[in-house]
């Protein structure tokens, strides 16, 4: 009935935006991205995104897996998992396959769960 999902590992990063860095505009990247700075604009990553405790994102975030320890003011779309840690704050709507909220995390918005392909196929058979 319940199964423990494998947690995403954030040990190696292909792209790092430091805490003293600010960026305005649309950010595109591939691989694993860690952001500790401020971004005013949309984030599009073909891969995983780690938003550190000092991150402040004003705009939409799109990636495979997103771990949020900072603050996002915008919508989040993941093709896999979104996890909001105890220090994370999300003010916006989400569209995710899997959603984890740690104790003391803040989420203000609406949630839409993406159906897995096997669940969609089961509904069509019924």
Protein backbone atom coordinates (compact mmCIF):
# COMPACT_ATOMS: atom_id res chain seq x y z
CA UNK A 1 0.00 0.00 0.00
CA UNK A 2 2.65 2.49 1.04
CA UNK A 3 6.14 2.34 -0.32
CA UNK A 4 9.21 4.30 0.58
CA UNK A 5 10.27 6.36 -2.42
CA UNK A 6 13.94 6.70 -3.17
CA UNK A 7 15.16 10.16 -2.19
CA UNK A 8 16.94 12.29 -4.74
CA UNK A 9 20.63 12.84 -3.97
CA UNK A 10 21.96 16.39 -4.26
CA UNK A 11 25.71 15.89 -3.85
CA UNK A 12 27.10 16.89 -7.27
CA UNK A 13 26.00 20.00 -9.11
CA UNK A 14 26.51 20.87 -12.76
CA UNK A 15 25.54 24.51 -12.17
CA UNK A 16 25.84 26.59 -8.98
CA UNK A 17 24.43 30.06 -8.38
CA UNK A 18 25.96 31.38 -5.15
CA UNK A 19 24.19 33.25 -2.37
CA UNK A 20 25.71 36.60 -3.40
CA UNK A 21 24.49 36.24 -7.00
CA UNK A 22 21.39 37.86 -8.50
CA UNK A 23 19.93 37.01 -11.90
CA UNK A 24 17.08 38.64 -13.82
CA UNK A 25 15.53 36.87 -16.80
CA UNK A 26 14.85 33.32 -17.93
CA UNK A 27 17.36 30.76 -16.68
CA UNK A 28 17.89 27.56 -18.73
CA UNK A 29 20.16 24.67 -17.73
CA UNK A 30 20.65 20.92 -17.98
CA UNK A 31 21.81 18.55 -15.25
CA UNK A 32 21.69 19.21 -11.51
CA UNK A 33 21.43 22.86 -10.48
CA UNK A 34 21.91 24.42 -7.05
CA UNK A 35 20.68 27.96 -6.45
CA UNK A 36 21.54 29.85 -3.27
CA UNK A 37 21.09 33.35 -4.70
CA UNK A 38 18.22 35.42 -6.05
CA UNK A 39 16.49 34.91 -9.38
CA UNK A 40 13.78 37.20 -10.71
CA UNK A 41 12.39 35.24 -13.63
CA UNK A 42 11.60 31.75 -14.83
CA UNK A 43 13.81 28.72 -14.15
CA UNK A 44 13.77 25.87 -16.69
CA UNK A 45 16.03 22.91 -15.93
CA UNK A 46 16.22 19.59 -17.73
CA UNK A 47 17.24 17.85 -14.53
CA UNK A 48 17.08 18.39 -10.78
CA UNK A 49 16.97 21.69 -8.89
CA UNK A 50 18.17 22.32 -5.32
CA UNK A 51 17.01 25.67 -3.94
CA UNK A 52 19.13 26.38 -0.85
CA UNK A 53 18.04 28.15 2.34
CA UNK A 54 19.28 31.54 1.07
CA UNK A 55 17.55 31.25 -2.32
CA UNK A 56 14.79 33.68 -3.27
CA UNK A 57 12.99 32.93 -6.52
CA UNK A 58 10.37 35.28 -7.95
CA UNK A 59 9.00 33.38 -10.92
CA UNK A 60 8.04 29.91 -12.07
CA UNK A 61 10.27 26.87 -11.51
CA UNK A 62 10.30 23.88 -13.89
CA UNK A 63 12.41 20.75 -13.38
CA UNK A 64 12.42 17.00 -12.88
CA UNK A 65 12.91 16.98 -9.10
CA UNK A 66 12.89 20.12 -6.95
CA UNK A 67 14.08 20.39 -3.35
CA UNK A 68 13.03 23.72 -1.83
CA UNK A 69 14.79 24.97 1.30
CA UNK A 70 14.49 28.69 0.45
CA UNK A 71 11.59 30.79 -0.84
CA UNK A 72 9.69 30.67 -4.13
CA UNK A 73 7.05 33.20 -5.13
CA UNK A 74 5.68 31.54 -8.25
CA UNK A 75 4.42 28.23 -9.59
CA UNK A 76 6.40 24.99 -9.52
CA UNK A 77 6.09 22.20 -12.09
CA UNK A 78 8.02 18.96 -11.68
CA UNK A 79 7.84 15.82 -13.77
CA UNK A 80 8.80 13.84 -10.66
CA UNK A 81 9.12 15.02 -7.04
CA UNK A 82 8.80 18.30 -5.14
CA UNK A 83 10.05 18.38 -1.56
CA UNK A 84 9.67 21.43 0.67
CA UNK A 85 12.02 21.26 3.66
CA UNK A 86 11.40 22.76 7.12
CA UNK A 87 12.94 26.08 6.01
CA UNK A 88 11.14 26.16 2.65
CA UNK A 89 8.38 28.61 1.72
CA UNK A 90 6.32 28.27 -1.45
CA UNK A 91 3.72 30.87 -2.44
CA UNK A 92 2.23 29.54 -5.66
CA UNK A 93 0.56 26.60 -7.32
CA UNK A 94 2.25 23.28 -7.99
CA UNK A 95 1.88 20.50 -10.54
CA UNK A 96 3.81 17.42 -9.44
CA UNK A 97 3.95 13.64 -9.58
CA UNK A 98 5.12 13.30 -5.95
CA UNK A 99 4.92 15.89 -3.14
CA UNK A 100 6.73 15.83 0.22
CA UNK A 101 6.27 18.55 2.84
CA UNK A 102 8.53 18.48 5.89
CA UNK A 103 7.29 19.65 9.28
CA UNK A 104 7.34 23.49 9.58
CA UNK A 105 7.50 23.97 5.79
CA UNK A 106 5.11 26.55 4.34
CA UNK A 107 2.95 26.01 1.25
CA UNK A 108 0.39 28.59 0.15
CA UNK A 109 -1.31 27.57 -3.09
CA UNK A 110 -3.06 24.81 -4.99
CA UNK A 111 -1.73 21.36 -5.82
CA UNK A 112 -2.38 19.31 -8.96
CA UNK A 113 -1.02 15.77 -8.98
CA UNK A 114 0.21 14.45 -12.32
CA UNK A 115 -1.01 10.94 -13.07
CA UNK A 116 1.56 8.31 -13.83
CA UNK A 117 1.22 6.59 -17.17
CA UNK A 118 0.27 3.25 -15.56
CA UNK A 119 -2.59 4.87 -13.59
CA UNK A 120 -3.90 6.50 -16.77
CA UNK A 121 -3.81 3.14 -18.55
CA UNK A 122 -5.66 1.44 -15.66
CA UNK A 123 -8.47 4.02 -15.86
CA UNK A 124 -8.82 3.50 -19.61
CA UNK A 125 -9.12 -0.28 -19.13
CA UNK A 126 -11.86 0.09 -16.49
